[in-house]
Amino acid sequence: MLKINRQTDYAARVILALAKHGEGARLSSAEIQKEMLIPRAFMTRIVAQLAREGLVDTFPGRDGGLMLPRPASQITLKDVVEAFEGPILLSECMQAKGEDDCPFQSNCPVRSKWGRVQAAMMREMASISFEDLVKESLFIPMAIPSLV
């Protein structure tokens, strides 16, 4: 099964929460966790990874929190997925460098199709900014505090 991991999904929620509050908004991890229904056990690791990848700025202290380092229009779903999943690769054969890696590489009709599907998926994810997602999320209700 091809699927993103749970941390990647939660990371997208973190970026979406910050984007929903507008450029320059600074939110605490606890606020984001509550709003986006992210389990506490995941939050610290997700924030650390997002910060390492330059997708959030962190500010320590009582008035600290998280903030997007650039406008939401400049952060894509592809950025978040690659930060947590690494390079997207639909098939091992896409990494094959020579006959030793894949004896069919030079004449494989399947490999070229995997390449087309992978390129289409990457283009689509790169075309989806968090600004776009904010516009679509206007109809998603905020988290109900009693569920967190």
Protein backbone atom coordinates (compact mmCIF):
# COMPACT_ATOMS: atom_id res chain seq x y z
CA MET A 1 0.00 0.00 0.00
CA LEU A 2 1.29 3.42 -0.91
CA LYS A 3 0.47 5.95 1.79
CA ILE A 4 2.00 8.78 3.74
CA ASN A 5 2.76 8.16 7.39
CA ARG A 6 0.78 9.64 10.26
CA GLN A 7 3.50 12.15 11.15
CA THR A 8 3.34 13.60 7.64
CA ASP A 9 -0.40 14.05 7.93
CA TYR A 10 -0.03 15.75 11.32
CA ALA A 11 2.79 17.95 9.97
CA ALA A 12 0.47 19.17 7.20
CA ARG A 13 -2.10 20.00 9.89
CA VAL A 14 0.50 22.05 11.82
CA ILE A 15 1.32 24.11 8.73
CA LEU A 16 -2.38 24.47 7.91
CA ALA A 17 -3.16 25.74 11.42
CA LEU A 18 -0.45 28.39 11.18
CA ALA A 19 -1.55 29.35 7.67
CA LYS A 20 -5.20 29.66 8.77
CA HIS A 21 -4.22 32.27 11.34
CA GLY A 22 -2.53 34.45 8.71
CA GLU A 23 0.92 35.68 7.91
CA GLY A 24 2.97 36.52 10.97
CA ALA A 25 0.71 34.59 13.34
CA ARG A 26 2.51 32.89 16.19
CA LEU A 27 0.77 29.97 17.89
CA SER A 28 1.83 27.71 20.70
CA SER A 29 2.26 24.01 20.08
CA ALA A 30 -0.55 23.40 22.55
CA GLU A 31 -2.94 25.63 20.58
CA ILE A 32 -2.14 23.87 17.33
CA GLN A 33 -2.34 20.45 18.95
CA LYS A 34 -5.79 21.23 20.32
CA GLU A 35 -7.12 22.88 17.15
CA MET A 36 -5.87 20.15 14.81
CA LEU A 37 -6.46 17.13 17.06
CA ILE A 38 -2.82 16.06 17.07
CA PRO A 39 -1.76 13.65 19.82
CA ARG A 40 0.76 15.18 22.22
CA ALA A 41 3.15 12.26 21.68
CA PHE A 42 3.67 13.33 18.06
CA MET A 43 3.78 17.09 18.44
CA THR A 44 7.34 17.59 19.70
CA ARG A 45 8.90 15.38 17.01
CA ILE A 46 6.82 16.97 14.27
CA VAL A 47 7.71 20.51 15.30
CA ALA A 48 11.40 19.60 15.54
CA GLN A 49 11.37 18.09 12.04
CA LEU A 50 9.44 21.03 10.57
CA ALA A 51 11.96 23.42 12.13
CA ARG A 52 14.95 21.40 10.81
CA GLU A 53 13.44 21.53 7.33
CA GLY A 54 12.82 25.30 7.54
CA LEU A 55 9.04 24.96 7.39
CA VAL A 56 8.42 26.63 10.76
CA ASP A 57 10.28 29.07 12.94
CA THR A 58 10.24 28.31 16.66
CA PHE A 59 10.36 30.81 19.48
CA PRO A 60 11.09 29.60 23.02
CA GLY A 61 9.65 30.97 26.22
CA ARG A 62 6.34 32.03 27.62
CA ASP A 63 5.48 34.21 24.63
CA GLY A 64 7.09 31.81 22.18
CA GLY A 65 5.47 29.50 19.73
CA LEU A 66 5.57 28.58 16.09
CA MET A 67 5.36 30.77 13.04
CA LEU A 68 5.60 30.20 9.29
CA PRO A 69 8.95 31.44 7.95
CA ARG A 70 7.38 32.60 4.68
CA PRO A 71 3.89 33.18 3.27
CA ALA A 72 1.59 30.15 3.07
CA SER A 73 1.44 30.67 -0.69
CA GLN A 74 5.11 29.66 -0.82
CA ILE A 75 4.78 26.42 1.16
CA THR A 76 3.44 23.42 -0.71
CA LEU A 77 2.11 20.03 0.18
CA LYS A 78 5.18 18.61 -1.61
CA ASP A 79 7.45 20.52 0.80
CA VAL A 80 5.83 18.88 3.81
CA VAL A 81 5.62 15.40 2.30
CA GLU A 82 9.27 15.41 1.27
CA ALA A 83 10.33 16.76 4.67
CA PHE A 84 8.83 13.70 6.38
CA GLU A 85 8.87 11.00 3.73
CA GLY A 86 12.06 11.89 1.87
CA PRO A 87 12.17 11.84 -1.90
CA ILE A 88 9.02 10.33 -3.39
CA LEU A 89 9.79 7.17 -5.29
CA LEU A 90 6.99 4.99 -6.64
CA SER A 91 9.23 2.07 -7.54
CA GLU A 92 12.75 0.91 -6.71
CA CYS A 93 13.42 0.70 -10.43
CA MET A 94 13.22 4.49 -10.63
CA GLN A 95 16.54 4.57 -8.75
CA ALA A 96 18.20 1.97 -10.95
CA LYS A 97 21.43 3.30 -12.42
CA GLY A 98 22.43 0.44 -14.65
CA GLU A 99 21.95 -3.15 -15.75
CA ASP A 100 23.23 -4.38 -12.36
CA ASP A 101 20.30 -2.72 -10.60
CA CYS A 102 17.70 -3.74 -13.16
CA PRO A 103 18.32 -6.05 -16.10
CA PHE A 104 15.32 -4.58 -17.95
CA GLN A 105 16.18 -0.92 -17.42
CA SER A 106 17.15 -0.10 -20.99
CA ASN A 107 13.96 -1.52 -22.47
CA CYS A 108 11.25 -1.47 -19.83
CA PRO A 109 7.82 -0.04 -20.70
CA VAL A 110 6.72 -0.18 -17.03
CA ARG A 111 9.60 1.99 -15.77
CA SER A 112 8.71 4.84 -18.11
CA LYS A 113 5.08 4.72 -16.94
CA TRP A 114 6.14 4.79 -13.29
CA GLY A 115 8.18 7.86 -14.15
CA ARG A 116 5.19 9.61 -15.72
CA VAL A 117 2.92 8.78 -12.76
CA GLN A 118 5.56 9.94 -10.28
CA ALA A 119 6.16 13.20 -12.16
CA ALA A 120 2.40 13.90 -12.29
CA MET A 121 2.05 13.27 -8.56
CA MET A 122 4.98 15.56 -7.77
CA ARG A 123 3.61 18.32 -10.01
CA GLU A 124 0.22 18.08 -8.31
CA MET A 125 1.65 18.22 -4.79
CA ALA A 126 3.90 21.14 -5.79
CA SER A 127 0.87 23.01 -7.13
CA ILE A 128 -1.03 22.83 -3.83
CA SER A 129 0.00 25.65 -1.52
CA PHE A 130 -1.13 26.00 2.06
CA GLU A 131 -2.79 29.26 1.05
CA ASP A 132 -4.99 27.15 -1.27
CA LEU A 133 -5.71 24.72 1.55
CA VAL A 134 -6.70 27.56 3.89
CA LYS A 135 -9.25 28.76 1.35
CA GLU A 136 -10.70 25.25 1.14
CA SER A 137 -10.70 24.82 4.93
CA LEU A 138 -13.04 27.70 5.60
CA PHE A 139 -15.81 25.14 5.88
CA ILE A 140 -13.96 22.82 8.29
CA PRO A 141 -15.16 23.41 11.86
CA MET A 142 -12.61 24.11 14.57
CA ALA A 143 -11.78 21.29 16.96
CA ILE A 144 -14.21 20.65 19.75
CA PRO A 145 -12.20 21.08 23.00
CA SER A 146 -13.89 18.17 24.75
CA LEU A 147 -12.53 15.78 22.12
CA VAL A 148 -8.89 16.68 22.72
